[in-house]
Amino acid sequence: MKEYLPYITAVVSVAAFCFTAFKYMHSQRIAQANKRFEQFIKIFEWVAGRTAEGNPLVDTQQAMAIYQLGEFPEYRHMSLPIIQYYIEQSSGDPDDSLFRAALLKTKARLSDYA
């Protein structure tokens, strides 16, 4: 048994290192996902036309926020119903208006991921 002790020690050390590395990478992935979701929520505040403090945004900022939603396809199940709501609310606007064009293009982009 003594002749196998160095090998056992090496295997246990490698296993401990692998476990620690896996745990670190997992926690980094979770932190990155949380940060990305926080960014998504902030963009959604802008889509609504207000900052987190309640200050109104100009139309170009709101349209830019809508286009940014296309960068978050993993949340399309939340984005698409809201985008559809705003499309219905802006049905009287021409399709090439700044706000409506942003909505239609972003909806098409997110629908491509489905």
C-alpha atoms as a PDB file:
ATOM      1  CA  MET A   1       0.000   0.000   0.000  1.00  0.00           C
ATOM      2  CA  LYS A   2       2.879   2.367   0.764  1.00  0.00           C
ATOM      3  CA  GLU A   3       4.111   2.145  -2.827  1.00  0.00           C
ATOM      4  CA  TYR A   4       0.733   3.479  -4.070  1.00  0.00           C
ATOM      5  CA  LEU A   5       0.561   6.353  -1.573  1.00  0.00           C
ATOM      6  CA  PRO A   6       2.311   8.924  -3.850  1.00  0.00           C
ATOM      7  CA  TYR A   7      -0.057   8.050  -6.698  1.00  0.00           C
ATOM      8  CA  ILE A   8      -3.127   8.278  -4.477  1.00  0.00           C
ATOM      9  CA  THR A   9      -1.930  11.617  -3.115  1.00  0.00           C
ATOM     10  CA  ALA A  10      -1.391  12.931  -6.643  1.00  0.00           C
ATOM     11  CA  VAL A  11      -4.829  11.769  -7.807  1.00  0.00           C
ATOM     12  CA  VAL A  12      -6.542  13.335  -4.781  1.00  0.00           C
ATOM     13  CA  SER A  13      -4.638  16.596  -5.332  1.00  0.00           C
ATOM     14  CA  VAL A  14      -5.631  16.721  -9.011  1.00  0.00           C
ATOM     15  CA  ALA A  15      -9.245  15.918  -8.122  1.00  0.00           C
ATOM     16  CA  ALA A  16      -9.313  18.686  -5.510  1.00  0.00           C
ATOM     17  CA  PHE A  17      -7.821  21.143  -8.008  1.00  0.00           C
ATOM     18  CA  CYS A  18     -10.380  20.165 -10.668  1.00  0.00           C
ATOM     19  CA  PHE A  19     -13.250  20.528  -8.213  1.00  0.00           C
ATOM     20  CA  THR A  20     -12.034  23.976  -7.126  1.00  0.00           C
ATOM     21  CA  ALA A  21     -11.589  25.096 -10.735  1.00  0.00           C
ATOM     22  CA  PHE A  22     -15.058  23.839 -11.652  1.00  0.00           C
ATOM     23  CA  LYS A  23     -16.624  25.568  -8.663  1.00  0.00           C
ATOM     24  CA  TYR A  24     -14.862  28.862  -9.535  1.00  0.00           C
ATOM     25  CA  MET A  25     -15.953  28.691 -13.177  1.00  0.00           C
ATOM     26  CA  HIS A  26     -19.516  27.898 -12.146  1.00  0.00           C
ATOM     27  CA  SER A  27     -19.673  30.877  -9.782  1.00  0.00           C
ATOM     28  CA  GLN A  28     -18.213  33.136 -12.509  1.00  0.00           C
ATOM     29  CA  ARG A  29     -20.886  31.950 -14.958  1.00  0.00           C
ATOM     30  CA  ILE A  30     -23.622  32.679 -12.430  1.00  0.00           C
ATOM     31  CA  ALA A  31     -22.198  36.141 -11.715  1.00  0.00           C
ATOM     32  CA  GLN A  32     -22.008  36.899 -15.439  1.00  0.00           C
ATOM     33  CA  ALA A  33     -25.600  35.720 -15.979  1.00  0.00           C
ATOM     34  CA  ASN A  34     -26.794  37.923 -13.103  1.00  0.00           C
ATOM     35  CA  LYS A  35     -24.942  40.938 -14.503  1.00  0.00           C
ATOM     36  CA  ARG A  36     -26.401  40.311 -17.953  1.00  0.00           C
ATOM     37  CA  PHE A  37     -29.926  40.092 -16.502  1.00  0.00           C
ATOM     38  CA  GLU A  38     -29.393  43.379 -14.640  1.00  0.00           C
ATOM     39  CA  GLN A  39     -28.370  44.982 -17.947  1.00  0.00           C
ATOM     40  CA  PHE A  40     -31.492  43.556 -19.576  1.00  0.00           C
ATOM     41  CA  ILE A  41     -33.705  44.999 -16.834  1.00  0.00           C
ATOM     42  CA  LYS A  42     -32.085  48.424 -17.211  1.00  0.00           C
ATOM     43  CA  ILE A  43     -32.719  48.365 -20.955  1.00  0.00           C
ATOM     44  CA  PHE A  44     -36.336  47.427 -20.313  1.00  0.00           C
ATOM     45  CA  GLU A  45     -36.693  50.485 -18.083  1.00  0.00           C
ATOM     46  CA  TRP A  46     -35.498  52.565 -21.024  1.00  0.00           C
ATOM     47  CA  VAL A  47     -37.913  50.798 -23.399  1.00  0.00           C
ATOM     48  CA  ALA A  48     -40.714  51.993 -21.128  1.00  0.00           C
ATOM     49  CA  GLY A  49     -39.510  55.545 -21.761  1.00  0.00           C
ATOM     50  CA  ARG A  50     -38.146  56.303 -18.300  1.00  0.00           C
ATOM     51  CA  THR A  51     -34.879  55.963 -16.441  1.00  0.00           C
ATOM     52  CA  ALA A  52     -34.698  54.101 -13.116  1.00  0.00           C
ATOM     53  CA  GLU A  53     -35.105  57.483 -11.412  1.00  0.00           C
ATOM     54  CA  GLY A  54     -38.300  58.151 -13.383  1.00  0.00           C
ATOM     55  CA  ASN A  55     -36.873  60.755 -15.748  1.00  0.00           C
ATOM     56  CA  PRO A  56     -38.400  60.695 -19.246  1.00  0.00           C
ATOM     57  CA  LEU A  57     -36.256  59.703 -22.216  1.00  0.00           C
ATOM     58  CA  VAL A  58     -36.268  61.197 -25.675  1.00  0.00           C
ATOM     59  CA  ASP A  59     -37.561  59.079 -28.555  1.00  0.00           C
ATOM     60  CA  THR A  60     -34.109  58.229 -29.893  1.00  0.00           C
ATOM     61  CA  GLN A  61     -32.989  56.842 -26.530  1.00  0.00           C
ATOM     62  CA  GLN A  62     -36.117  54.741 -26.279  1.00  0.00           C
ATOM     63  CA  ALA A  63     -35.671  53.412 -29.843  1.00  0.00           C
ATOM     64  CA  MET A  64     -32.029  52.585 -29.126  1.00  0.00           C
ATOM     65  CA  ALA A  65     -33.118  50.636 -26.048  1.00  0.00           C
ATOM     66  CA  ILE A  66     -35.564  48.633 -28.172  1.00  0.00           C
ATOM     67  CA  TYR A  67     -32.799  47.742 -30.614  1.00  0.00           C
ATOM     68  CA  GLN A  68     -30.626  46.675 -27.660  1.00  0.00           C
ATOM     69  CA  LEU A  69     -33.232  44.077 -26.669  1.00  0.00           C
ATOM     70  CA  GLY A  70     -32.098  42.120 -29.725  1.00  0.00           C
ATOM     71  CA  GLU A  71     -28.770  41.570 -27.968  1.00  0.00           C
ATOM     72  CA  PHE A  72     -30.520  39.446 -25.325  1.00  0.00           C
ATOM     73  CA  PRO A  73     -32.081  36.526 -27.208  1.00  0.00           C
ATOM     74  CA  GLU A  74     -32.036  34.391 -24.066  1.00  0.00           C
ATOM     75  CA  TYR A  75     -34.787  36.648 -22.648  1.00  0.00           C
ATOM     76  CA  ARG A  76     -36.926  36.741 -25.801  1.00  0.00           C
ATOM     77  CA  HIS A  77     -39.754  34.968 -23.967  1.00  0.00           C
ATOM     78  CA  MET A  78     -40.061  38.132 -21.859  1.00  0.00           C
ATOM     79  CA  SER A  79     -39.243  40.657 -24.587  1.00  0.00           C
ATOM     80  CA  LEU A  80     -41.531  39.502 -27.378  1.00  0.00           C
ATOM     81  CA  PRO A  81     -44.860  39.937 -25.519  1.00  0.00           C
ATOM     82  CA  ILE A  82     -43.859  43.446 -24.424  1.00  0.00           C
ATOM     83  CA  ILE A  83     -42.683  44.324 -27.925  1.00  0.00           C
ATOM     84  CA  GLN A  84     -45.976  43.002 -29.307  1.00  0.00           C
ATOM     85  CA  TYR A  85     -47.859  45.171 -26.804  1.00  0.00           C
ATOM     86  CA  TYR A  86     -45.998  48.281 -27.957  1.00  0.00           C
ATOM     87  CA  ILE A  87     -46.566  47.338 -31.614  1.00  0.00           C
ATOM     88  CA  GLU A  88     -50.292  47.154 -30.955  1.00  0.00           C
ATOM     89  CA  GLN A  89     -50.192  50.457 -29.058  1.00  0.00           C
ATOM     90  CA  SER A  90     -48.412  52.152 -31.970  1.00  0.00           C
ATOM     91  CA  SER A  91     -50.614  50.635 -34.679  1.00  0.00           C
ATOM     92  CA  GLY A  92     -51.658  54.114 -35.868  1.00  0.00           C
ATOM     93  CA  ASP A  93     -48.047  55.118 -36.547  1.00  0.00           C
ATOM     94  CA  PRO A  94     -46.405  54.459 -39.907  1.00  0.00           C
ATOM     95  CA  ASP A  95     -44.127  51.387 -39.968  1.00  0.00           C
ATOM     96  CA  ASP A  96     -41.113  53.574 -40.748  1.00  0.00           C
ATOM     97  CA  SER A  97     -41.563  55.808 -37.700  1.00  0.00           C
ATOM     98  CA  LEU A  98     -38.566  55.654 -35.365  1.00  0.00           C
ATOM     99  CA  PHE A  99     -40.297  53.845 -32.488  1.00  0.00           C
ATOM    100  CA  ARG A 100     -42.404  51.441 -34.560  1.00  0.00           C
ATOM    101  CA  ALA A 101     -39.538  50.537 -36.917  1.00  0.00           C
ATOM    102  CA  ALA A 102     -37.369  49.675 -33.915  1.00  0.00           C
ATOM    103  CA  LEU A 103     -40.147  47.484 -32.518  1.00  0.00           C
ATOM    104  CA  LEU A 104     -40.762  45.652 -35.788  1.00  0.00           C
ATOM    105  CA  LYS A 105     -37.084  45.037 -36.539  1.00  0.00           C
ATOM    106  CA  THR A 106     -36.335  43.853 -33.005  1.00  0.00           C
ATOM    107  CA  LYS A 107     -39.364  41.550 -33.019  1.00  0.00           C
ATOM    108  CA  ALA A 108     -38.180  40.016 -36.298  1.00  0.00           C
ATOM    109  CA  ARG A 109     -34.650  39.609 -34.948  1.00  0.00           C
ATOM    110  CA  LEU A 110     -35.787  37.930 -31.740  1.00  0.00           C
ATOM    111  CA  SER A 111     -38.280  35.736 -33.587  1.00  0.00           C
ATOM    112  CA  ASP A 112     -35.441  34.361 -35.708  1.00  0.00           C
ATOM    113  CA  TYR A 113     -33.973  32.780 -32.551  1.00  0.00           C
ATOM    114  CA  ALA A 114     -37.154  30.850 -31.786  1.00  0.00           C
END
